[in-house]
Amino acid sequence: MFAQTPVPPYYAVIFTSQRTAGDDGYADMAANMVALAQQQPGFLGVESVRGADGVGITVSYWESEEAIAAWRMHAEHSVARAQGRQSWYGQFSVRVAKVERAYGRPSVAQ
C-alpha cells in the first residue's frame, strides 16, 4: 500500500536490508514496530517490500528531522535495532532524505 503523505516538504527514512535465514521473531517485531511508529508524533506513513532473495526496502515518512530523531531514540525501537544488528540483518543501510517534490498517478478503480 502507498503511504498517504502530505504536500512536501517532509522526510523519508530509507532502510535497505538483507535478511538472515529464519524468522527468529522478526515478523512479530516488524509488525510491532510499524504499529508503534504509527503512534509517534510526526509519523506520516510507511511503505515496505521484501524480495524472495531477502533484500527489503522500507521507507518511513516523517514531518521533521526531530521526529526521526525521537523515533530513533524510542526505547522499544532501540531494542529492535539491536536485535536486528545481532540476528536479523546480514547487511543494512539507512538513508535520510528531505522530500521536496512528490507526484504520481492515483489508483484507478478496476
C-alpha atoms as a PDB file:
ATOM      1  CA  MET A   1       0.000   0.000   0.000  1.00  0.00           C
ATOM      2  CA  PHE A   2       1.156   3.513  -0.744  1.00  0.00           C
ATOM      3  CA  ALA A   3       1.644   5.908   2.158  1.00  0.00           C
ATOM      4  CA  GLN A   4      -0.670   8.902   2.116  1.00  0.00           C
ATOM      5  CA  THR A   5       1.839  11.713   2.553  1.00  0.00           C
ATOM      6  CA  PRO A   6       1.148  15.453   2.716  1.00  0.00           C
ATOM      7  CA  VAL A   7       2.355  18.112   0.329  1.00  0.00           C
ATOM      8  CA  PRO A   8       6.164  18.381   0.693  1.00  0.00           C
ATOM      9  CA  PRO A   9       8.448  19.146   2.340  1.00  0.00           C
ATOM     10  CA  TYR A  10       8.747  16.155   4.656  1.00  0.00           C
ATOM     11  CA  TYR A  11      11.402  13.498   5.288  1.00  0.00           C
ATOM     12  CA  ALA A  12      11.935   9.909   4.200  1.00  0.00           C
ATOM     13  CA  VAL A  13      13.982   7.331   6.095  1.00  0.00           C
ATOM     14  CA  ILE A  14      15.036   4.615   3.651  1.00  0.00           C
ATOM     15  CA  PHE A  15      16.041   1.333   5.291  1.00  0.00           C
ATOM     16  CA  THR A  16      17.536  -1.256   2.931  1.00  0.00           C
ATOM     17  CA  SER A  17      18.384  -4.657   4.370  1.00  0.00           C
ATOM     18  CA  GLN A  18      19.446  -8.200   3.623  1.00  0.00           C
ATOM     19  CA  ARG A  19      17.690 -10.648   5.957  1.00  0.00           C
ATOM     20  CA  THR A  20      19.411 -13.627   7.501  1.00  0.00           C
ATOM     21  CA  ALA A  21      17.825 -17.096   7.302  1.00  0.00           C
ATOM     22  CA  GLY A  22      14.944 -17.937   9.638  1.00  0.00           C
ATOM     23  CA  ASP A  23      12.344 -15.752  11.316  1.00  0.00           C
ATOM     24  CA  ASP A  24      13.538 -15.793  14.955  1.00  0.00           C
ATOM     25  CA  GLY A  25      10.717 -13.422  15.939  1.00  0.00           C
ATOM     26  CA  TYR A  26      11.335 -10.997  13.078  1.00  0.00           C
ATOM     27  CA  ALA A  27       7.781 -10.897  11.688  1.00  0.00           C
ATOM     28  CA  ASP A  28       6.251 -10.117  15.083  1.00  0.00           C
ATOM     29  CA  MET A  29       8.819  -7.434  15.847  1.00  0.00           C
ATOM     30  CA  ALA A  30       8.404  -5.830  12.415  1.00  0.00           C
ATOM     31  CA  ALA A  31       4.620  -5.654  12.880  1.00  0.00           C
ATOM     32  CA  ASN A  32       5.061  -4.233  16.386  1.00  0.00           C
ATOM     33  CA  MET A  33       7.478  -1.567  15.136  1.00  0.00           C
ATOM     34  CA  VAL A  34       5.070  -0.403  12.417  1.00  0.00           C
ATOM     35  CA  ALA A  35       2.228  -0.196  14.957  1.00  0.00           C
ATOM     36  CA  LEU A  36       4.456   1.704  17.394  1.00  0.00           C
ATOM     37  CA  ALA A  37       5.786   4.074  14.729  1.00  0.00           C
ATOM     38  CA  GLN A  38       2.200   4.922  13.741  1.00  0.00           C
ATOM     39  CA  GLN A  39       1.676   6.251  17.284  1.00  0.00           C
ATOM     40  CA  GLN A  40       4.696   8.570  17.200  1.00  0.00           C
ATOM     41  CA  PRO A  41       4.351  12.328  16.748  1.00  0.00           C
ATOM     42  CA  GLY A  42       5.408  13.324  13.249  1.00  0.00           C
ATOM     43  CA  PHE A  43       4.929   9.886  11.654  1.00  0.00           C
ATOM     44  CA  LEU A  44       3.312  10.187   8.208  1.00  0.00           C
ATOM     45  CA  GLY A  45       3.330   6.674   6.763  1.00  0.00           C
ATOM     46  CA  VAL A  46       5.364   3.678   5.656  1.00  0.00           C
ATOM     47  CA  GLU A  47       5.912   1.561   2.546  1.00  0.00           C
ATOM     48  CA  SER A  48       7.770  -1.754   2.637  1.00  0.00           C
ATOM     49  CA  VAL A  49       8.707  -4.571   0.248  1.00  0.00           C
ATOM     50  CA  ARG A  50      10.914  -7.657   0.521  1.00  0.00           C
ATOM     51  CA  GLY A  51      12.057  -9.894  -2.311  1.00  0.00           C
ATOM     52  CA  ALA A  52      12.404 -13.670  -2.294  1.00  0.00           C
ATOM     53  CA  ASP A  53      16.176 -13.155  -2.003  1.00  0.00           C
ATOM     54  CA  GLY A  54      15.716 -11.487   1.405  1.00  0.00           C
ATOM     55  CA  VAL A  55      16.517  -7.953   0.251  1.00  0.00           C
ATOM     56  CA  GLY A  56      13.998  -5.459   1.572  1.00  0.00           C
ATOM     57  CA  ILE A  57      13.362  -1.747   1.423  1.00  0.00           C
ATOM     58  CA  THR A  58      11.233   0.093   3.953  1.00  0.00           C
ATOM     59  CA  VAL A  59      10.593   3.811   3.606  1.00  0.00           C
ATOM     60  CA  SER A  60       9.063   5.639   6.540  1.00  0.00           C
ATOM     61  CA  TYR A  61       7.891   9.235   6.169  1.00  0.00           C
ATOM     62  CA  TRP A  62       8.183  11.880   8.862  1.00  0.00           C
ATOM     63  CA  GLU A  63       7.265  15.536   9.352  1.00  0.00           C
ATOM     64  CA  SER A  64      10.694  16.594  10.603  1.00  0.00           C
ATOM     65  CA  GLU A  65      14.221  15.548  11.458  1.00  0.00           C
ATOM     66  CA  GLU A  66      13.260  15.966  15.128  1.00  0.00           C
ATOM     67  CA  ALA A  67      10.504  13.361  14.740  1.00  0.00           C
ATOM     68  CA  ILE A  68      13.003  10.979  13.110  1.00  0.00           C
ATOM     69  CA  ALA A  69      15.473  11.510  15.961  1.00  0.00           C
ATOM     70  CA  ALA A  70      12.781  10.879  18.579  1.00  0.00           C
ATOM     71  CA  TRP A  71      11.798   7.625  16.852  1.00  0.00           C
ATOM     72  CA  ARG A  72      15.418   6.526  16.669  1.00  0.00           C
ATOM     73  CA  MET A  73      15.783   7.068  20.426  1.00  0.00           C
ATOM     74  CA  HIS A  74      12.495   5.356  21.371  1.00  0.00           C
ATOM     75  CA  ALA A  75      13.326   2.578  23.850  1.00  0.00           C
ATOM     76  CA  GLU A  76      11.410  -0.219  22.089  1.00  0.00           C
ATOM     77  CA  HIS A  77      12.782   0.806  18.692  1.00  0.00           C
ATOM     78  CA  SER A  78      16.304   0.759  20.160  1.00  0.00           C
ATOM     79  CA  VAL A  79      15.767  -2.844  21.317  1.00  0.00           C
ATOM     80  CA  ALA A  80      14.507  -3.820  17.842  1.00  0.00           C
ATOM     81  CA  ARG A  81      17.513  -2.164  16.169  1.00  0.00           C
ATOM     82  CA  ALA A  82      19.923  -4.040  18.430  1.00  0.00           C
ATOM     83  CA  GLN A  83      18.158  -7.340  17.718  1.00  0.00           C
ATOM     84  CA  GLY A  84      18.324  -6.573  14.009  1.00  0.00           C
ATOM     85  CA  ARG A  85      22.069  -5.995  14.106  1.00  0.00           C
ATOM     86  CA  GLN A  86      22.578  -9.163  16.161  1.00  0.00           C
ATOM     87  CA  SER A  87      20.202 -11.612  14.462  1.00  0.00           C
ATOM     88  CA  TRP A  88      18.072 -10.447  11.555  1.00  0.00           C
ATOM     89  CA  TYR A  89      20.237  -8.497   9.126  1.00  0.00           C
ATOM     90  CA  GLY A  90      23.372  -9.638   7.360  1.00  0.00           C
ATOM     91  CA  GLN A  91      23.688  -6.164   5.879  1.00  0.00           C
ATOM     92  CA  PHE A  92      21.705  -2.923   6.074  1.00  0.00           C
ATOM     93  CA  SER A  93      21.860   0.768   5.311  1.00  0.00           C
ATOM     94  CA  VAL A  94      19.821   3.752   6.458  1.00  0.00           C
ATOM     95  CA  ARG A  95      19.440   6.899   4.399  1.00  0.00           C
ATOM     96  CA  VAL A  96      17.546  10.036   5.387  1.00  0.00           C
ATOM     97  CA  ALA A  97      16.299  12.370   2.681  1.00  0.00           C
ATOM     98  CA  LYS A  98      14.226  15.533   2.525  1.00  0.00           C
ATOM     99  CA  VAL A  99      11.341  15.165   0.077  1.00  0.00           C
ATOM    100  CA  GLU A 100      10.967  18.435  -1.776  1.00  0.00           C
ATOM    101  CA  ARG A 101       8.695  17.293  -4.621  1.00  0.00           C
ATOM    102  CA  ALA A 102       6.225  14.431  -4.892  1.00  0.00           C
ATOM    103  CA  TYR A 103       3.878  13.451  -7.695  1.00  0.00           C
ATOM    104  CA  GLY A 104       2.266  10.344  -9.095  1.00  0.00           C
ATOM    105  CA  ARG A 105      -0.806   8.727 -10.515  1.00  0.00           C
ATOM    106  CA  PRO A 106      -3.745   7.959  -8.232  1.00  0.00           C
ATOM    107  CA  SER A 107      -5.150   4.456  -8.118  1.00  0.00           C
ATOM    108  CA  VAL A 108      -7.662   3.658 -10.851  1.00  0.00           C
ATOM    109  CA  ALA A 109     -10.596   1.530  -9.674  1.00  0.00           C
ATOM    110  CA  GLN A 110     -10.918  -1.657 -11.725  1.00  0.00           C
END
